[in-house]
C-alpha atoms as a PDB file:
ATOM      1  CA  MET A   1     -38.786  16.198  48.654  1.00  0.00           C
ATOM      2  CA  LYS A   2     -39.931  14.111  45.673  1.00  0.00           C
ATOM      3  CA  PHE A   3     -40.290  17.262  43.558  1.00  0.00           C
ATOM      4  CA  LYS A   4     -36.619  18.206  44.217  1.00  0.00           C
ATOM      5  CA  SER A   5     -35.479  14.703  43.263  1.00  0.00           C
ATOM      6  CA  LEU A   6     -37.577  14.777  40.110  1.00  0.00           C
ATOM      7  CA  MET A   7     -36.135  18.176  39.128  1.00  0.00           C
ATOM      8  CA  THR A   8     -32.583  16.940  39.772  1.00  0.00           C
ATOM      9  CA  VAL A   9     -33.160  13.892  37.556  1.00  0.00           C
ATOM     10  CA  ALA A  10     -34.684  16.100  34.834  1.00  0.00           C
ATOM     11  CA  ALA A  11     -31.688  18.455  34.981  1.00  0.00           C
ATOM     12  CA  LEU A  12     -29.267  15.537  34.703  1.00  0.00           C
ATOM     13  CA  VAL A  13     -31.142  14.142  31.687  1.00  0.00           C
ATOM     14  CA  VAL A  14     -30.989  17.525  29.930  1.00  0.00           C
ATOM     15  CA  CYS A  15     -27.261  17.832  30.684  1.00  0.00           C
ATOM     16  CA  ALA A  16     -26.606  14.299  29.423  1.00  0.00           C
ATOM     17  CA  TRP A  17     -28.625  15.027  26.257  1.00  0.00           C
ATOM     18  CA  ASN A  18     -26.524  18.152  25.563  1.00  0.00           C
ATOM     19  CA  VAL A  19     -23.259  16.295  26.277  1.00  0.00           C
ATOM     20  CA  ALA A  20     -24.326  13.533  23.861  1.00  0.00           C
ATOM     21  CA  ALA A  21     -24.948  16.136  21.174  1.00  0.00           C
ATOM     22  CA  HIS A  22     -21.525  17.682  21.680  1.00  0.00           C
ATOM     23  CA  ASP A  23     -19.815  14.274  21.517  1.00  0.00           C
ATOM     24  CA  ALA A  24     -21.857  12.915  18.597  1.00  0.00           C
ATOM     25  CA  VAL A  25     -21.228  15.668  15.990  1.00  0.00           C
ATOM     26  CA  GLU A  26     -18.236  17.955  15.659  1.00  0.00           C
ATOM     27  CA  VAL A  27     -18.762  21.406  14.119  1.00  0.00           C
ATOM     28  CA  GLN A  28     -15.821  23.225  12.522  1.00  0.00           C
ATOM     29  CA  ASN A  29     -15.363  26.574  10.749  1.00  0.00           C
ATOM     30  CA  ALA A  30     -18.965  27.703  11.289  1.00  0.00           C
ATOM     31  CA  TRP A  31     -19.907  31.138   9.974  1.00  0.00           C
ATOM     32  CA  VAL A  32     -22.923  33.100   8.739  1.00  0.00           C
ATOM     33  CA  ARG A  33     -22.769  35.451   5.754  1.00  0.00           C
ATOM     34  CA  ALA A  34     -23.317  39.086   6.812  1.00  0.00           C
ATOM     35  CA  THR A  35     -26.304  40.937   5.354  1.00  0.00           C
ATOM     36  CA  VAL A  36     -27.231  44.496   4.457  1.00  0.00           C
ATOM     37  CA  LYS A  37     -30.324  46.490   5.405  1.00  0.00           C
ATOM     38  CA  GLY A  38     -33.389  45.080   3.653  1.00  0.00           C
ATOM     39  CA  GLN A  39     -31.809  41.690   2.878  1.00  0.00           C
ATOM     40  CA  MET A  40     -34.199  39.003   4.092  1.00  0.00           C
ATOM     41  CA  ALA A  41     -32.105  35.848   3.677  1.00  0.00           C
ATOM     42  CA  THR A  42     -28.579  34.521   4.099  1.00  0.00           C
ATOM     43  CA  GLY A  43     -26.761  31.259   4.713  1.00  0.00           C
ATOM     44  CA  ALA A  44     -24.857  29.548   7.513  1.00  0.00           C
ATOM     45  CA  PHE A  45     -21.911  27.362   6.593  1.00  0.00           C
ATOM     46  CA  MET A  46     -19.730  24.861   8.468  1.00  0.00           C
ATOM     47  CA  THR A  47     -18.216  21.392   8.375  1.00  0.00           C
ATOM     48  CA  LEU A  48     -20.003  18.629  10.311  1.00  0.00           C
ATOM     49  CA  THR A  49     -18.411  15.328  11.305  1.00  0.00           C
ATOM     50  CA  ALA A  50     -20.540  12.727  13.091  1.00  0.00           C
ATOM     51  CA  GLN A  51     -18.987   9.929  15.156  1.00  0.00           C
ATOM     52  CA  GLY A  52     -21.742   7.525  14.102  1.00  0.00           C
ATOM     53  CA  ASP A  53     -24.232   7.669  11.237  1.00  0.00           C
ATOM     54  CA  ALA A  54     -26.551  10.619  11.843  1.00  0.00           C
ATOM     55  CA  LYS A  55     -28.652  13.261  10.100  1.00  0.00           C
ATOM     56  CA  LEU A  56     -28.931  17.005  10.503  1.00  0.00           C
ATOM     57  CA  VAL A  57     -32.733  17.113  10.738  1.00  0.00           C
ATOM     58  CA  ARG A  58     -33.361  20.787  11.486  1.00  0.00           C
ATOM     59  CA  ALA A  59     -31.924  24.070  12.659  1.00  0.00           C
ATOM     60  CA  SER A  60     -33.322  27.152  14.352  1.00  0.00           C
ATOM     61  CA  THR A  61     -32.341  30.655  15.405  1.00  0.00           C
ATOM     62  CA  THR A  62     -34.033  33.642  16.951  1.00  0.00           C
ATOM     63  CA  ALA A  63     -32.515  35.752  14.137  1.00  0.00           C
ATOM     64  CA  ALA A  64     -34.784  34.310  11.404  1.00  0.00           C
ATOM     65  CA  GLY A  65     -38.422  33.323  11.010  1.00  0.00           C
ATOM     66  CA  VAL A  66     -37.634  30.352   8.739  1.00  0.00           C
ATOM     67  CA  VAL A  67     -34.575  28.095   8.916  1.00  0.00           C
ATOM     68  CA  GLN A  68     -34.065  25.157   6.533  1.00  0.00           C
ATOM     69  CA  VAL A  69     -31.249  22.884   5.408  1.00  0.00           C
ATOM     70  CA  HIS A  70     -30.796  23.507   1.655  1.00  0.00           C
ATOM     71  CA  GLU A  71     -28.809  22.104  -1.239  1.00  0.00           C
ATOM     72  CA  MET A  72     -27.677  24.039  -4.311  1.00  0.00           C
ATOM     73  CA  LYS A  73     -26.785  21.992  -7.382  1.00  0.00           C
ATOM     74  CA  MET A  74     -26.652  22.182 -11.149  1.00  0.00           C
ATOM     75  CA  ASP A  75     -29.652  20.625 -12.880  1.00  0.00           C
ATOM     76  CA  GLY A  76     -29.604  20.710 -16.675  1.00  0.00           C
ATOM     77  CA  GLY A  77     -27.299  23.713 -16.728  1.00  0.00           C
ATOM     78  CA  VAL A  78     -29.417  25.630 -14.205  1.00  0.00           C
ATOM     79  CA  MET A  79     -28.434  26.197 -10.582  1.00  0.00           C
ATOM     80  CA  THR A  80     -31.264  25.072  -8.299  1.00  0.00           C
ATOM     81  CA  MET A  81     -31.732  25.417  -4.557  1.00  0.00           C
ATOM     82  CA  ASN A  82     -34.095  23.197  -2.600  1.00  0.00           C
ATOM     83  CA  GLU A  83     -34.773  22.176   0.974  1.00  0.00           C
ATOM     84  CA  VAL A  84     -33.219  18.839   1.962  1.00  0.00           C
ATOM     85  CA  LYS A  85     -36.245  16.730   2.941  1.00  0.00           C
ATOM     86  CA  GLY A  86     -35.787  14.115   5.662  1.00  0.00           C
ATOM     87  CA  GLY A  87     -32.478  15.533   6.888  1.00  0.00           C
ATOM     88  CA  LEU A  88     -28.912  15.791   5.639  1.00  0.00           C
ATOM     89  CA  ASP A  89     -27.018  12.491   5.926  1.00  0.00           C
ATOM     90  CA  LEU A  90     -23.856  12.615   8.043  1.00  0.00           C
ATOM     91  CA  PRO A  91     -21.984   9.325   7.440  1.00  0.00           C
ATOM     92  CA  ALA A  92     -19.883   8.148  10.387  1.00  0.00           C
ATOM     93  CA  GLY A  93     -16.444   9.757  10.464  1.00  0.00           C
ATOM     94  CA  LYS A  94     -16.911  11.634   7.165  1.00  0.00           C
ATOM     95  CA  ALA A  95     -16.696  15.428   7.111  1.00  0.00           C
ATOM     96  CA  VAL A  96     -19.743  16.950   5.392  1.00  0.00           C
ATOM     97  CA  ALA A  97     -19.167  20.499   4.169  1.00  0.00           C
ATOM     98  CA  LEU A  98     -21.989  23.024   4.295  1.00  0.00           C
ATOM     99  CA  LYS A  99     -20.624  25.715   1.984  1.00  0.00           C
ATOM    100  CA  PRO A 100     -21.714  28.340  -0.532  1.00  0.00           C
ATOM    101  CA  GLY A 101     -22.893  26.625  -3.709  1.00  0.00           C
ATOM    102  CA  GLY A 102     -23.682  23.344  -1.930  1.00  0.00           C
ATOM    103  CA  TYR A 103     -25.380  22.250   1.260  1.00  0.00           C
ATOM    104  CA  HIS A 104     -26.038  25.084   3.719  1.00  0.00           C
ATOM    105  CA  VAL A 105     -28.388  26.264   6.441  1.00  0.00           C
ATOM    106  CA  MET A 106     -30.744  28.807   4.830  1.00  0.00           C
ATOM    107  CA  LEU A 107     -31.923  31.634   7.080  1.00  0.00           C
ATOM    108  CA  MET A 108     -35.022  33.423   5.745  1.00  0.00           C
ATOM    109  CA  ASP A 109     -37.318  36.137   7.048  1.00  0.00           C
ATOM    110  CA  LEU A 110     -34.443  37.733   8.954  1.00  0.00           C
ATOM    111  CA  LYS A 111     -35.515  39.802  11.957  1.00  0.00           C
ATOM    112  CA  ALA A 112     -32.668  42.340  11.511  1.00  0.00           C
ATOM    113  CA  PRO A 113     -29.481  42.710   9.452  1.00  0.00           C
ATOM    114  CA  LEU A 114     -26.660  40.356  10.490  1.00  0.00           C
ATOM    115  CA  LEU A 115     -23.611  42.573  10.899  1.00  0.00           C
ATOM    116  CA  LYS A 116     -20.039  41.372  10.352  1.00  0.00           C
ATOM    117  CA  ASP A 117     -17.954  40.800  13.467  1.00  0.00           C
ATOM    118  CA  THR A 118     -21.028  39.858  15.540  1.00  0.00           C
ATOM    119  CA  THR A 119     -22.375  36.426  16.445  1.00  0.00           C
ATOM    120  CA  MET A 120     -25.703  34.734  15.877  1.00  0.00           C
ATOM    121  CA  PRO A 121     -27.261  31.923  17.946  1.00  0.00           C
ATOM    122  CA  LEU A 122     -27.904  28.763  15.948  1.00  0.00           C
ATOM    123  CA  THR A 123     -29.322  25.473  17.188  1.00  0.00           C
ATOM    124  CA  LEU A 124     -28.674  22.304  15.199  1.00  0.00           C
ATOM    125  CA  VAL A 125     -30.776  19.188  15.790  1.00  0.00           C
ATOM    126  CA  PHE A 126     -29.366  15.790  14.854  1.00  0.00           C
ATOM    127  CA  LYS A 127     -30.885  12.317  14.763  1.00  0.00           C
ATOM    128  CA  ASP A 128     -28.673   9.273  15.227  1.00  0.00           C
ATOM    129  CA  ALA A 129     -29.129   5.880  13.547  1.00  0.00           C
ATOM    130  CA  LYS A 130     -31.374   4.758  16.447  1.00  0.00           C
ATOM    131  CA  GLY A 131     -33.683   7.737  15.950  1.00  0.00           C
ATOM    132  CA  VAL A 132     -32.513   9.575  19.070  1.00  0.00           C
ATOM    133  CA  GLU A 133     -32.433  13.347  18.638  1.00  0.00           C
ATOM    134  CA  SER A 134     -29.752  15.577  20.107  1.00  0.00           C
ATOM    135  CA  ARG A 135     -29.328  19.331  20.022  1.00  0.00           C
ATOM    136  CA  LEU A 136     -26.264  21.532  19.713  1.00  0.00           C
ATOM    137  CA  ASP A 137     -26.456  25.252  20.561  1.00  0.00           C
ATOM    138  CA  LEU A 138     -23.857  27.439  18.840  1.00  0.00           C
ATOM    139  CA  LYS A 139     -22.824  31.095  18.718  1.00  0.00           C
ATOM    140  CA  VAL A 140     -21.803  31.486  15.073  1.00  0.00           C
ATOM    141  CA  PRO A 141     -19.598  34.371  13.880  1.00  0.00           C
ATOM    142  CA  VAL A 142     -21.034  36.641  11.179  1.00  0.00           C
ATOM    143  CA  ALA A 143     -18.581  37.473   8.357  1.00  0.00           C
ATOM    144  CA  VAL A 144     -18.580  38.739   4.768  1.00  0.00           C
ATOM    145  CA  ALA A 145     -16.551  35.731   3.573  1.00  0.00           C
ATOM    146  CA  ALA A 146     -15.517  32.302   4.812  1.00  0.00           C
ATOM    147  CA  PRO A 147     -12.706  32.184   7.358  1.00  0.00           C
ATOM    148  CA  GLN A 148      -9.418  31.201   5.695  1.00  0.00           C
ATOM    149  CA  ALA A 149      -9.469  27.772   7.361  1.00  0.00           C
ATOM    150  CA  ALA A 150     -12.804  27.029   5.667  1.00  0.00           C
ATOM    151  CA  MET A 151     -11.540  28.222   2.268  1.00  0.00           C
ATOM    152  CA  GLN A 152      -8.668  25.711   2.150  1.00  0.00           C
ATOM    153  CA  ASP A 153     -11.007  22.968   0.933  1.00  0.00           C
ATOM    154  CA  VAL A 154     -12.955  25.070  -1.587  1.00  0.00           C
ATOM    155  CA  HIS A 155     -12.443  23.981  -5.198  1.00  0.00           C
ATOM    156  CA  MET A 156     -14.060  25.875  -8.046  1.00  0.00           C
ATOM    157  CA  ASP A 157     -15.014  24.290 -11.348  1.00  0.00           C
ATOM    158  CA  HIS A 158     -14.275  26.693 -14.225  1.00  0.00           C
ATOM    159  CA  SER A 159     -14.907  24.198 -17.051  1.00  0.00           C
ATOM    160  CA  ALA A 160     -18.021  26.094 -18.207  1.00  0.00           C
ATOM    161  CA  HIS A 161     -15.757  29.072 -19.003  1.00  0.00           C
ATOM    162  CA  ALA A 162     -13.436  27.162 -21.371  1.00  0.00           C
ATOM    163  CA  MET A 163     -10.881  26.934 -18.559  1.00  0.00           C
ATOM    164  CA  PRO A 164      -9.450  23.923 -16.743  1.00  0.00           C
ATOM    165  CA  ALA A 165     -11.976  22.431 -14.312  1.00  0.00           C
ATOM    166  CA  ALA A 166      -9.443  22.413 -11.472  1.00  0.00           C
ATOM    167  CA  MET A 167      -7.453  25.575 -10.846  1.00  0.00           C
ATOM    168  CA  ASP A 168      -5.178  26.511  -7.967  1.00  0.00           C
ATOM    169  CA  HIS A 169      -6.876  29.266  -5.947  1.00  0.00           C
ATOM    170  CA  SER A 170      -4.472  29.146  -3.004  1.00  0.00           C
ATOM    171  CA  GLY A 171      -3.135  32.615  -3.807  1.00  0.00           C
ATOM    172  CA  HIS A 172      -6.610  34.191  -3.880  1.00  0.00           C
ATOM    173  CA  THR A 173      -8.104  35.973  -0.915  1.00  0.00           C
ATOM    174  CA  MET A 174     -11.497  37.607  -0.645  1.00  0.00           C
ATOM    175  CA  GLN A 175     -11.407  41.211   0.460  1.00  0.00           C
ATOM    176  CA  PRO A 176     -14.175  42.456   2.777  1.00  0.00           C
ATOM    177  CA  GLY A 177     -16.965  43.855   0.654  1.00  0.00           C
ATOM    178  CA  ALA A 178     -15.783  42.035  -2.508  1.00  0.00           C
ATOM    179  CA  SER A 179     -18.351  39.938  -4.269  1.00  0.00           C
ATOM    180  CA  HIS A 180     -17.806  36.543  -5.779  1.00  0.00           C
ATOM    181  CA  PRO A 181     -20.513  34.604  -7.550  1.00  0.00           C
ATOM    182  CA  GLN A 182     -21.530  31.552  -5.550  1.00  0.00           C
END
């Protein structure tokens, strides 16, 4: 009888932990860039909004051997990409975009190609300001380009090409299979 009670309590704790994760951080417009045969890495992108101060401390998937939170940024005229050590800060109530050319979840040592119009499991692990970890399990769509809703907030800086830094790209759409430098 005690074993059943213990198992019931354990199940309730796990359910409460998952509910806390769902309530603590909202995920919007998540997607993973599709790959081709032989490609060993890709990125996952989304917008995260935490109710209270939190950090994205790690991610995992069965689709890749290595999963890290990365940041791409210009450093002395050179684009660099590095793992975010200690977790990605998610300030309370502020949307943090994980997008091509910026923060993203890097998936390396892929087990198989990620084909467009499929989904990929992705687990995000967050830590709140008190140090309590929570986990969010997602099924993320695989696509060749960001969904249109995610593209509405993308702004490209063309100042390095002797063009205005801010340009209106609202009339542009990415066609499947088209490439665009990130």
